[in-house]
């Protein structure tokens, strides 16, 4: 009888613990069967989408300002991983809030600013390189972050979490699984080669570092 009571008590405790386990199935796009492989594939795709979008955005800024191409960022390839990591973090942390754009905006601004401050400080401390400097902007902190960049993160995060992430997930699922695997393998290998090169000789120079 005592063993039965202990077993039932342990079972109840286990059930309570299970209730608070993160529901990773909810992170997958509707229509996509849940598996670690599918979720990982989706997040890798988001990383490269965010990285490429960030690269294009910063290149566009310099095209407008200086009318010339600048290969922005620490790496040599057409990607800025700070945006890719940000895209993954915002998706994982805020996707369940996507029906509340105001909350997503505020949290995206906060999370994006914290991530930008962390990345900027690390680059400056470890490699003595500054890839952005907001010193001339209003309400900045040591040039790493400012009010305008926070608002930009809020707007971009809201667009990404509430609208674009779902669209890109569905688009990715239209690609046959074998092709998805091959494409991701190629991109990961290229990115790793770029990482090795950038760690030895970081991309720097006029219009790239400050």
Protein backbone atom coordinates (compact mmCIF):
# COMPACT_ATOMS: atom_id res chain seq x y z
CA UNK A 1 0.00 0.00 0.00
CA UNK A 2 2.82 2.39 0.89
CA UNK A 3 4.59 1.63 -2.39
CA UNK A 4 1.34 2.26 -4.25
CA UNK A 5 0.94 5.66 -2.57
CA UNK A 6 4.55 6.61 -3.29
CA UNK A 7 4.20 5.54 -6.89
CA UNK A 8 1.02 7.55 -7.37
CA UNK A 9 2.62 10.56 -5.65
CA UNK A 10 5.70 10.33 -7.87
CA UNK A 11 3.49 9.95 -10.93
CA UNK A 12 1.54 13.09 -9.99
CA UNK A 13 4.76 15.03 -9.44
CA UNK A 14 6.01 13.87 -12.82
CA UNK A 15 2.76 14.93 -14.47
CA UNK A 16 3.05 18.37 -12.87
CA UNK A 17 6.61 18.72 -14.14
CA UNK A 18 5.56 17.64 -17.60
CA UNK A 19 2.88 20.34 -17.65
CA UNK A 20 5.56 23.04 -17.67
CA UNK A 21 7.74 21.45 -20.36
CA UNK A 22 8.14 23.82 -23.36
CA UNK A 23 5.81 22.93 -26.21
CA UNK A 24 8.24 22.83 -29.12
CA UNK A 25 5.50 21.56 -31.41
CA UNK A 26 3.95 25.03 -31.34
CA UNK A 27 7.13 26.46 -32.87
CA UNK A 28 6.60 24.53 -36.09
CA UNK A 29 4.52 25.98 -38.88
CA UNK A 30 0.94 24.62 -39.13
CA UNK A 31 0.97 21.69 -41.53
CA UNK A 32 4.55 20.79 -40.64
CA UNK A 33 4.92 17.56 -38.67
CA UNK A 34 6.93 18.11 -35.51
CA UNK A 35 10.41 16.64 -35.22
CA UNK A 36 13.72 17.96 -34.02
CA UNK A 37 15.01 17.77 -37.57
CA UNK A 38 12.14 19.89 -38.93
CA UNK A 39 12.48 22.50 -36.20
CA UNK A 40 16.27 22.67 -36.60
CA UNK A 41 15.92 22.98 -40.38
CA UNK A 42 13.43 25.81 -39.93
CA UNK A 43 15.70 27.68 -37.50
CA UNK A 44 18.76 27.30 -39.75
CA UNK A 45 16.72 28.70 -42.62
CA UNK A 46 15.62 31.61 -40.42
CA UNK A 47 19.26 32.28 -39.51
CA UNK A 48 20.32 32.64 -43.13
CA UNK A 49 17.22 34.62 -44.09
CA UNK A 50 17.83 37.07 -41.24
CA UNK A 51 21.56 37.27 -41.93
CA UNK A 52 21.06 37.95 -45.64
CA UNK A 53 18.27 40.49 -44.97
CA UNK A 54 20.51 42.35 -42.52
CA UNK A 55 23.35 42.40 -45.04
CA UNK A 56 21.10 43.78 -47.78
CA UNK A 57 19.68 46.40 -45.42
CA UNK A 58 23.09 47.74 -44.42
CA UNK A 59 24.40 47.66 -47.99
CA UNK A 60 21.32 49.64 -49.06
CA UNK A 61 21.97 52.26 -46.38
CA UNK A 62 25.47 52.93 -47.71
CA UNK A 63 24.28 52.88 -51.31
CA UNK A 64 21.84 55.64 -50.44
CA UNK A 65 24.30 57.62 -48.28
CA UNK A 66 27.54 57.22 -50.23
CA UNK A 67 26.36 55.82 -53.60
CA UNK A 68 28.79 52.94 -53.33
CA UNK A 69 28.83 49.31 -52.25
CA UNK A 70 30.22 48.45 -48.81
CA UNK A 71 30.71 44.83 -47.74
CA UNK A 72 29.47 45.37 -44.22
CA UNK A 73 30.17 43.26 -41.17
CA UNK A 74 32.76 41.01 -39.56
CA UNK A 75 32.41 38.35 -42.26
CA UNK A 76 33.17 38.36 -45.99
CA UNK A 77 30.07 36.60 -47.29
CA UNK A 78 26.65 38.19 -47.92
CA UNK A 79 25.41 37.69 -44.38
CA UNK A 80 25.41 39.48 -41.05
CA UNK A 81 24.94 36.81 -38.35
CA UNK A 82 23.92 39.36 -35.71
CA UNK A 83 20.64 39.70 -37.64
CA UNK A 84 20.34 35.94 -38.13
CA UNK A 85 20.77 35.19 -34.43
CA UNK A 86 18.32 37.98 -33.66
CA UNK A 87 15.74 36.47 -36.02
CA UNK A 88 15.98 33.11 -34.25
CA UNK A 89 15.82 34.61 -30.75
CA UNK A 90 12.82 36.79 -31.53
CA UNK A 91 11.00 33.89 -33.16
CA UNK A 92 11.64 31.44 -30.32
CA UNK A 93 10.79 33.92 -27.58
CA UNK A 94 7.92 35.85 -29.14
CA UNK A 95 6.12 33.63 -31.65
CA UNK A 96 3.43 32.77 -29.08
CA UNK A 97 2.74 36.50 -28.71
CA UNK A 98 2.27 37.18 -32.43
CA UNK A 99 -1.45 37.92 -31.95
CA UNK A 100 -0.40 40.88 -29.79
CA UNK A 101 1.68 43.17 -32.06
CA UNK A 102 2.08 45.88 -29.40
CA UNK A 103 3.69 43.41 -26.98
CA UNK A 104 5.87 42.01 -29.77
CA UNK A 105 7.00 45.54 -30.68
CA UNK A 106 8.02 46.40 -27.12
CA UNK A 107 9.75 43.07 -26.45
CA UNK A 108 11.52 43.14 -29.84
CA UNK A 109 12.87 46.60 -29.06
CA UNK A 110 14.18 45.44 -25.68
CA UNK A 111 15.60 42.10 -26.83
CA UNK A 112 17.11 43.57 -30.00
CA UNK A 113 18.79 46.36 -28.04
CA UNK A 114 20.22 43.94 -25.46
CA UNK A 115 21.55 41.70 -28.24
CA UNK A 116 23.06 44.64 -30.16
CA UNK A 117 24.75 45.93 -26.99
CA UNK A 118 26.16 42.47 -26.21
CA UNK A 119 27.45 41.86 -29.74
CA UNK A 120 28.92 45.37 -30.06
CA UNK A 121 30.69 45.11 -26.71
CA UNK A 122 32.14 41.67 -27.54
CA UNK A 123 33.46 42.78 -30.94
CA UNK A 124 34.99 45.87 -29.38
CA UNK A 125 36.50 44.01 -26.41
CA UNK A 126 37.78 40.86 -28.13
CA UNK A 127 38.82 42.17 -31.56
CA UNK A 128 39.01 45.93 -30.86
CA UNK A 129 36.63 46.56 -33.78
CA UNK A 130 33.50 48.73 -33.97
CA UNK A 131 31.12 47.92 -36.81
CA UNK A 132 28.61 50.60 -35.84
CA UNK A 133 28.76 53.76 -33.78
CA UNK A 134 25.67 55.66 -32.65
CA UNK A 135 27.63 58.36 -30.83
CA UNK A 136 26.01 61.09 -32.92
CA UNK A 137 22.48 59.80 -32.31
CA UNK A 138 20.00 60.78 -29.64
CA UNK A 139 19.90 58.78 -26.39
CA UNK A 140 22.82 56.52 -27.22
CA UNK A 141 24.89 54.42 -24.80
CA UNK A 142 28.62 54.51 -25.58
CA UNK A 143 27.76 54.34 -29.26
CA UNK A 144 26.63 50.71 -29.02
CA UNK A 145 22.88 51.34 -28.89
CA UNK A 146 20.49 54.27 -29.31
CA UNK A 147 16.79 55.10 -29.30
CA UNK A 148 16.40 54.96 -33.08
CA UNK A 149 17.96 51.52 -33.36
CA UNK A 150 15.67 50.27 -30.57
CA UNK A 151 12.61 51.55 -32.46
CA UNK A 152 13.96 49.90 -35.61
CA UNK A 153 14.27 46.58 -33.79
CA UNK A 154 10.71 46.97 -32.56
CA UNK A 155 9.33 47.52 -36.06
CA UNK A 156 11.48 44.82 -37.68
CA UNK A 157 10.70 42.34 -34.92
CA UNK A 158 6.97 42.93 -35.22
CA UNK A 159 7.06 42.44 -38.99
CA UNK A 160 9.19 39.31 -38.63
CA UNK A 161 7.34 37.56 -35.80
CA UNK A 162 3.78 38.51 -36.75
CA UNK A 163 3.96 38.20 -40.53
CA UNK A 164 7.19 37.22 -42.28
CA UNK A 165 8.29 34.19 -40.25
CA UNK A 166 5.11 32.30 -41.13
CA UNK A 167 5.42 33.21 -44.80
CA UNK A 168 9.06 32.07 -45.01
CA UNK A 169 8.25 28.85 -43.13
CA UNK A 170 5.55 27.95 -45.64
CA UNK A 171 7.85 28.88 -48.51
CA UNK A 172 10.60 26.65 -47.09
CA UNK A 173 8.20 23.72 -46.77
CA UNK A 174 7.39 23.93 -50.47
CA UNK A 175 10.99 22.85 -51.20
CA UNK A 176 11.47 19.05 -51.24
CA UNK A 177 13.18 17.77 -48.09
CA UNK A 178 16.22 16.39 -49.92
CA UNK A 179 16.87 19.72 -51.63
CA UNK A 180 16.42 21.55 -48.32
CA UNK A 181 19.06 19.34 -46.71
CA UNK A 182 21.53 19.79 -49.56
CA UNK A 183 21.07 23.57 -49.71
CA UNK A 184 21.51 23.94 -45.96
CA UNK A 185 24.63 21.76 -45.97
CA UNK A 186 26.22 23.93 -48.66
CA UNK A 187 25.37 27.17 -46.86
CA UNK A 188 26.62 25.87 -43.52
CA UNK A 189 29.94 24.78 -45.05
CA UNK A 190 30.38 28.15 -46.77
CA UNK A 191 29.55 29.94 -43.54
CA UNK A 192 32.06 27.86 -41.55
CA UNK A 193 34.80 28.66 -44.06
CA UNK A 194 33.90 32.35 -43.78
CA UNK A 195 34.01 32.06 -39.97
CA UNK A 196 37.51 30.62 -40.10
CA UNK A 197 38.72 33.38 -42.43
CA UNK A 198 37.06 36.18 -40.46
CA UNK A 199 38.43 34.95 -37.12
CA UNK A 200 41.96 35.21 -38.53
CA UNK A 201 41.51 38.31 -40.69
CA UNK A 202 38.26 40.13 -39.77
CA UNK A 203 36.62 42.17 -42.51
CA UNK A 204 37.49 45.79 -41.71
CA UNK A 205 38.28 49.13 -43.32
CA UNK A 206 36.69 52.39 -44.37
CA UNK A 207 32.92 52.23 -44.40
CA UNK A 208 33.02 48.90 -42.56
CA UNK A 209 34.52 49.68 -39.16
CA UNK A 210 34.49 52.92 -37.18
